[in-house]
């Protein structure tokens, strides 16, 4: 799995939560070679969302 530092980006959920959801799901699908798809359902993120994260070791095999 790629180093996480360059994958961390500031997202503004207030402006476009649907786009943020799509970007996070796309990144997760890419990083898990696509074992995990659409983890965050539509409508789960909104203007009150402050943080979305995951523990790298949950997906690390090796």
PDB file of N, CA and C in Angstrom:
ATOM      1  N   UNK A   1       0.843  -1.173   0.000  1.00  0.00           N
ATOM      2  CA  UNK A   1       0.000   0.000   0.000  1.00  0.00           C
ATOM      3  C   UNK A   1       0.885   1.232   0.000  1.00  0.00           C
ATOM      4  N   UNK A   2       0.486   2.234  -0.717  1.00  0.00           N
ATOM      5  CA  UNK A   2       1.256   3.464  -0.811  1.00  0.00           C
ATOM      6  C   UNK A   2       1.340   4.142   0.551  1.00  0.00           C
ATOM      7  N   UNK A   3       2.377   4.970   0.718  1.00  0.00           N
ATOM      8  CA  UNK A   3       2.478   5.756   1.941  1.00  0.00           C
ATOM      9  C   UNK A   3       1.248   6.643   2.069  1.00  0.00           C
ATOM     10  N   UNK A   4       0.703   6.703   3.257  1.00  0.00           N
ATOM     11  CA  UNK A   4      -0.551   7.426   3.475  1.00  0.00           C
ATOM     12  C   UNK A   4      -0.396   8.941   3.453  1.00  0.00           C
ATOM     13  N   UNK A   5       0.788   9.465   3.712  1.00  0.00           N
ATOM     14  CA  UNK A   5       0.959  10.918   3.835  1.00  0.00           C
ATOM     15  C   UNK A   5       0.481  11.665   2.592  1.00  0.00           C
ATOM     16  N   UNK A   6       0.799  11.157   1.410  1.00  0.00           N
ATOM     17  CA  UNK A   6       0.381  11.878   0.206  1.00  0.00           C
ATOM     18  C   UNK A   6      -1.094  11.640  -0.134  1.00  0.00           C
ATOM     19  N   UNK A   7      -1.729  10.698   0.538  1.00  0.00           N
ATOM     20  CA  UNK A   7      -3.145  10.431   0.290  1.00  0.00           C
ATOM     21  C   UNK A   7      -4.056  11.311   1.141  1.00  0.00           C
ATOM     22  N   UNK A   8      -3.488  11.878   2.208  1.00  0.00           N
ATOM     23  CA  UNK A   8      -4.282  12.708   3.099  1.00  0.00           C
ATOM     24  C   UNK A   8      -4.486  14.079   2.476  1.00  0.00           C
ATOM     25  N   UNK A   9      -5.706  14.435   2.317  1.00  0.00           N
ATOM     26  CA  UNK A   9      -6.041  15.727   1.723  1.00  0.00           C
ATOM     27  C   UNK A   9      -7.161  16.354   2.527  1.00  0.00           C
ATOM     28  N   UNK A  10      -7.136  17.645   2.582  1.00  0.00           N
ATOM     29  CA  UNK A  10      -8.204  18.358   3.280  1.00  0.00           C
ATOM     30  C   UNK A  10      -9.436  18.396   2.372  1.00  0.00           C
ATOM     31  N   UNK A  11     -10.527  17.939   2.878  1.00  0.00           N
ATOM     32  CA  UNK A  11     -11.780  17.928   2.126  1.00  0.00           C
ATOM     33  C   UNK A  11     -12.751  18.912   2.769  1.00  0.00           C
ATOM     34  N   UNK A  12     -13.483  19.607   1.968  1.00  0.00           N
ATOM     35  CA  UNK A  12     -14.510  20.494   2.495  1.00  0.00           C
ATOM     36  C   UNK A  12     -15.857  19.828   2.265  1.00  0.00           C
ATOM     37  N   UNK A  13     -16.350  19.164   3.283  1.00  0.00           N
ATOM     38  CA  UNK A  13     -17.602  18.434   3.182  1.00  0.00           C
ATOM     39  C   UNK A  13     -18.791  19.374   3.042  1.00  0.00           C
ATOM     40  N   UNK A  14     -18.661  20.591   3.564  1.00  0.00           N
ATOM     41  CA  UNK A  14     -19.761  21.552   3.499  1.00  0.00           C
ATOM     42  C   UNK A  14     -20.086  21.890   2.054  1.00  0.00           C
ATOM     43  N   UNK A  15     -19.059  22.113   1.246  1.00  0.00           N
ATOM     44  CA  UNK A  15     -19.263  22.547  -0.135  1.00  0.00           C
ATOM     45  C   UNK A  15     -19.806  21.445  -1.029  1.00  0.00           C
ATOM     46  N   UNK A  16     -19.279  20.234  -0.888  1.00  0.00           N
ATOM     47  CA  UNK A  16     -19.700  19.165  -1.793  1.00  0.00           C
ATOM     48  C   UNK A  16     -19.511  17.797  -1.136  1.00  0.00           C
ATOM     49  N   UNK A  17     -20.386  17.420  -0.206  1.00  0.00           N
ATOM     50  CA  UNK A  17     -20.231  16.139   0.473  1.00  0.00           C
ATOM     51  C   UNK A  17     -20.336  14.932  -0.461  1.00  0.00           C
ATOM     52  N   UNK A  18     -21.125  15.027  -1.517  1.00  0.00           N
ATOM     53  CA  UNK A  18     -21.249  13.901  -2.457  1.00  0.00           C
ATOM     54  C   UNK A  18     -19.928  13.660  -3.178  1.00  0.00           C
ATOM     55  N   UNK A  19     -19.241  14.727  -3.560  1.00  0.00           N
ATOM     56  CA  UNK A  19     -17.946  14.597  -4.222  1.00  0.00           C
ATOM     57  C   UNK A  19     -16.904  14.035  -3.262  1.00  0.00           C
ATOM     58  N   UNK A  20     -16.921  14.486  -2.017  1.00  0.00           N
ATOM     59  CA  UNK A  20     -15.987  13.962  -1.018  1.00  0.00           C
ATOM     60  C   UNK A  20     -16.224  12.468  -0.800  1.00  0.00           C
ATOM     61  N   UNK A  21     -17.481  12.063  -0.733  1.00  0.00           N
ATOM     62  CA  UNK A  21     -17.818  10.644  -0.578  1.00  0.00           C
ATOM     63  C   UNK A  21     -17.269   9.832  -1.744  1.00  0.00           C
ATOM     64  N   UNK A  22     -17.467  10.320  -2.954  1.00  0.00           N
ATOM     65  CA  UNK A  22     -16.979   9.614  -4.143  1.00  0.00           C
ATOM     66  C   UNK A  22     -15.458   9.500  -4.120  1.00  0.00           C
ATOM     67  N   UNK A  23     -14.768  10.583  -3.787  1.00  0.00           N
ATOM     68  CA  UNK A  23     -13.308  10.569  -3.774  1.00  0.00           C
ATOM     69  C   UNK A  23     -12.762   9.596  -2.734  1.00  0.00           C
ATOM     70  N   UNK A  24     -13.350   9.581  -1.552  1.00  0.00           N
ATOM     71  CA  UNK A  24     -12.902   8.667  -0.499  1.00  0.00           C
ATOM     72  C   UNK A  24     -13.155   7.225  -0.912  1.00  0.00           C
ATOM     73  N   UNK A  25     -14.342   6.933  -1.424  1.00  0.00           N
ATOM     74  CA  UNK A  25     -14.654   5.568  -1.859  1.00  0.00           C
ATOM     75  C   UNK A  25     -13.756   5.122  -3.009  1.00  0.00           C
ATOM     76  N   UNK A  26     -13.476   6.014  -3.953  1.00  0.00           N
ATOM     77  CA  UNK A  26     -12.581   5.672  -5.066  1.00  0.00           C
ATOM     78  C   UNK A  26     -11.179   5.359  -4.565  1.00  0.00           C
ATOM     79  N   UNK A  27     -10.678   6.168  -3.632  1.00  0.00           N
ATOM     80  CA  UNK A  27      -9.347   5.948  -3.075  1.00  0.00           C
ATOM     81  C   UNK A  27      -9.286   4.615  -2.338  1.00  0.00           C
ATOM     82  N   UNK A  28     -10.293   4.336  -1.530  1.00  0.00           N
ATOM     83  CA  UNK A  28     -10.327   3.083  -0.781  1.00  0.00           C
ATOM     84  C   UNK A  28     -10.400   1.880  -1.715  1.00  0.00           C
ATOM     85  N   UNK A  29     -11.209   1.971  -2.747  1.00  0.00           N
ATOM     86  CA  UNK A  29     -11.313   0.880  -3.716  1.00  0.00           C
ATOM     87  C   UNK A  29      -9.971   0.646  -4.408  1.00  0.00           C
ATOM     88  N   UNK A  30      -9.307   1.724  -4.787  1.00  0.00           N
ATOM     89  CA  UNK A  30      -8.003   1.619  -5.443  1.00  0.00           C
ATOM     90  C   UNK A  30      -6.963   1.001  -4.510  1.00  0.00           C
ATOM     91  N   UNK A  31      -6.945   1.424  -3.263  1.00  0.00           N
ATOM     92  CA  UNK A  31      -5.940   0.950  -2.317  1.00  0.00           C
ATOM     93  C   UNK A  31      -6.171  -0.492  -1.879  1.00  0.00           C
ATOM     94  N   UNK A  32      -7.397  -0.978  -1.937  1.00  0.00           N
ATOM     95  CA  UNK A  32      -7.682  -2.356  -1.515  1.00  0.00           C
ATOM     96  C   UNK A  32      -7.824  -3.300  -2.700  1.00  0.00           C
ATOM     97  N   UNK A  33      -7.512  -2.827  -3.866  1.00  0.00           N
ATOM     98  CA  UNK A  33      -7.464  -3.605  -5.125  1.00  0.00           C
ATOM     99  C   UNK A  33      -8.725  -4.402  -5.351  1.00  0.00           C
ATOM    100  N   UNK A  34      -9.723  -4.043  -5.701  1.00  0.00           N
ATOM    101  CA  UNK A  34     -10.927  -3.372  -5.223  1.00  0.00           C
ATOM    102  C   UNK A  34     -11.768  -4.236  -4.297  1.00  0.00           C
ATOM    103  N   UNK A  35     -11.188  -4.690  -3.200  1.00  0.00           N
ATOM    104  CA  UNK A  35     -11.934  -5.548  -2.270  1.00  0.00           C
ATOM    105  C   UNK A  35     -13.002  -4.795  -1.488  1.00  0.00           C
ATOM    106  N   UNK A  36     -12.791  -3.507  -1.279  1.00  0.00           N
ATOM    107  CA  UNK A  36     -13.766  -2.705  -0.538  1.00  0.00           C
ATOM    108  C   UNK A  36     -14.296  -1.628  -1.468  1.00  0.00           C
ATOM    109  N   UNK A  37     -15.588  -1.651  -1.689  1.00  0.00           N
ATOM    110  CA  UNK A  37     -16.234  -0.684  -2.577  1.00  0.00           C
ATOM    111  C   UNK A  37     -17.358   0.015  -1.830  1.00  0.00           C
ATOM    112  N   UNK A  38     -17.456   1.315  -2.041  1.00  0.00           N
ATOM    113  CA  UNK A  38     -18.560   2.112  -1.492  1.00  0.00           C
ATOM    114  C   UNK A  38     -18.764   1.909   0.006  1.00  0.00           C
ATOM    115  N   UNK A  39     -17.673   2.031   0.750  1.00  0.00           N
ATOM    116  CA  UNK A  39     -17.753   1.893   2.203  1.00  0.00           C
ATOM    117  C   UNK A  39     -18.613   2.993   2.819  1.00  0.00           C
ATOM    118  N   UNK A  40     -18.479   4.202   2.292  1.00  0.00           N
ATOM    119  CA  UNK A  40     -19.263   5.325   2.802  1.00  0.00           C
ATOM    120  C   UNK A  40     -20.481   5.494   1.898  1.00  0.00           C
ATOM    121  N   UNK A  41     -21.674   5.266   2.428  1.00  0.00           N
ATOM    122  CA  UNK A  41     -22.873   5.366   1.589  1.00  0.00           C
ATOM    123  C   UNK A  41     -23.221   6.815   1.252  1.00  0.00           C
ATOM    124  N   UNK A  42     -23.934   6.994   0.159  1.00  0.00           N
ATOM    125  CA  UNK A  42     -24.415   8.324  -0.220  1.00  0.00           C
ATOM    126  C   UNK A  42     -25.216   8.914   0.936  1.00  0.00           C
ATOM    127  N   UNK A  43     -24.972  10.172   1.210  1.00  0.00           N
ATOM    128  CA  UNK A  43     -25.702  10.859   2.266  1.00  0.00           C
ATOM    129  C   UNK A  43     -25.093  10.727   3.651  1.00  0.00           C
ATOM    130  N   UNK A  44     -24.044   9.913   3.798  1.00  0.00           N
ATOM    131  CA  UNK A  44     -23.433   9.721   5.115  1.00  0.00           C
ATOM    132  C   UNK A  44     -22.609  10.932   5.554  1.00  0.00           C
ATOM    133  N   UNK A  45     -22.017  11.642   4.590  1.00  0.00           N
ATOM    134  CA  UNK A  45     -21.231  12.835   4.905  1.00  0.00           C
ATOM    135  C   UNK A  45     -22.082  14.067   4.651  1.00  0.00           C
ATOM    136  N   UNK A  46     -21.908  15.065   5.505  1.00  0.00           N
ATOM    137  CA  UNK A  46     -22.628  16.321   5.298  1.00  0.00           C
ATOM    138  C   UNK A  46     -21.782  17.479   5.814  1.00  0.00           C
ATOM    139  N   UNK A  47     -22.362  18.636   5.892  1.00  0.00           N
ATOM    140  CA  UNK A  47     -21.647  19.826   6.316  1.00  0.00           C
ATOM    141  C   UNK A  47     -21.143  19.775   7.744  1.00  0.00           C
ATOM    142  N   UNK A  48     -21.634  18.839   8.535  1.00  0.00           N
ATOM    143  CA  UNK A  48     -21.180  18.694   9.914  1.00  0.00           C
ATOM    144  C   UNK A  48     -20.026  17.707  10.050  1.00  0.00           C
ATOM    145  N   UNK A  49     -19.687  16.999   8.987  1.00  0.00           N
ATOM    146  CA  UNK A  49     -18.598  16.020   9.024  1.00  0.00           C
ATOM    147  C   UNK A  49     -17.275  16.740   9.219  1.00  0.00           C
ATOM    148  N   UNK A  50     -16.497  16.297  10.195  1.00  0.00           N
ATOM    149  CA  UNK A  50     -15.210  16.920  10.489  1.00  0.00           C
ATOM    150  C   UNK A  50     -14.029  16.038  10.105  1.00  0.00           C
ATOM    151  N   UNK A  51     -14.190  14.726  10.178  1.00  0.00           N
ATOM    152  CA  UNK A  51     -13.056  13.843   9.948  1.00  0.00           C
ATOM    153  C   UNK A  51     -13.527  12.486   9.442  1.00  0.00           C
ATOM    154  N   UNK A  52     -12.821  11.971   8.450  1.00  0.00           N
ATOM    155  CA  UNK A  52     -13.010  10.600   7.986  1.00  0.00           C
ATOM    156  C   UNK A  52     -11.622  10.006   7.921  1.00  0.00           C
ATOM    157  N   UNK A  53     -11.416   8.871   8.548  1.00  0.00           N
ATOM    158  CA  UNK A  53     -10.083   8.277   8.546  1.00  0.00           C
ATOM    159  C   UNK A  53     -10.165   6.771   8.694  1.00  0.00           C
ATOM    160  N   UNK A  54      -9.026   6.141   8.509  1.00  0.00           N
ATOM    161  CA  UNK A  54      -8.953   4.697   8.716  1.00  0.00           C
ATOM    162  C   UNK A  54      -7.560   4.351   9.209  1.00  0.00           C
ATOM    163  N   UNK A  55      -7.452   3.227   9.826  1.00  0.00           N
ATOM    164  CA  UNK A  55      -6.176   2.727  10.315  1.00  0.00           C
ATOM    165  C   UNK A  55      -5.520   1.932   9.202  1.00  0.00           C
ATOM    166  N   UNK A  56      -4.334   2.336   8.790  1.00  0.00           N
ATOM    167  CA  UNK A  56      -3.627   1.691   7.682  1.00  0.00           C
ATOM    168  C   UNK A  56      -3.457   0.193   7.917  1.00  0.00           C
ATOM    169  N   UNK A  57      -3.142  -0.201   9.136  1.00  0.00           N
ATOM    170  CA  UNK A  57      -2.861  -1.607   9.410  1.00  0.00           C
ATOM    171  C   UNK A  57      -4.071  -2.513   9.224  1.00  0.00           C
ATOM    172  N   UNK A  58      -5.266  -1.954   9.181  1.00  0.00           N
ATOM    173  CA  UNK A  58      -6.445  -2.778   8.925  1.00  0.00           C
ATOM    174  C   UNK A  58      -6.392  -3.410   7.543  1.00  0.00           C
ATOM    175  N   UNK A  59      -5.707  -2.736   6.613  1.00  0.00           N
ATOM    176  CA  UNK A  59      -5.668  -3.203   5.236  1.00  0.00           C
ATOM    177  C   UNK A  59      -4.305  -3.747   4.834  1.00  0.00           C
ATOM    178  N   UNK A  60      -3.326  -3.654   5.722  1.00  0.00           N
ATOM    179  CA  UNK A  60      -1.957  -4.054   5.391  1.00  0.00           C
ATOM    180  C   UNK A  60      -1.798  -5.562   5.525  1.00  0.00           C
ATOM    181  N   UNK A  61      -1.318  -6.169   4.478  1.00  0.00           N
ATOM    182  CA  UNK A  61      -1.022  -7.601   4.511  1.00  0.00           C
ATOM    183  C   UNK A  61       0.454  -7.775   4.232  1.00  0.00           C
ATOM    184  N   UNK A  62       1.149  -8.442   5.083  1.00  0.00           N
ATOM    185  CA  UNK A  62       2.558  -8.633   4.820  1.00  0.00           C
ATOM    186  C   UNK A  62       3.301  -8.750   6.038  1.00  0.00           C
TER     187      UNK A  62
END
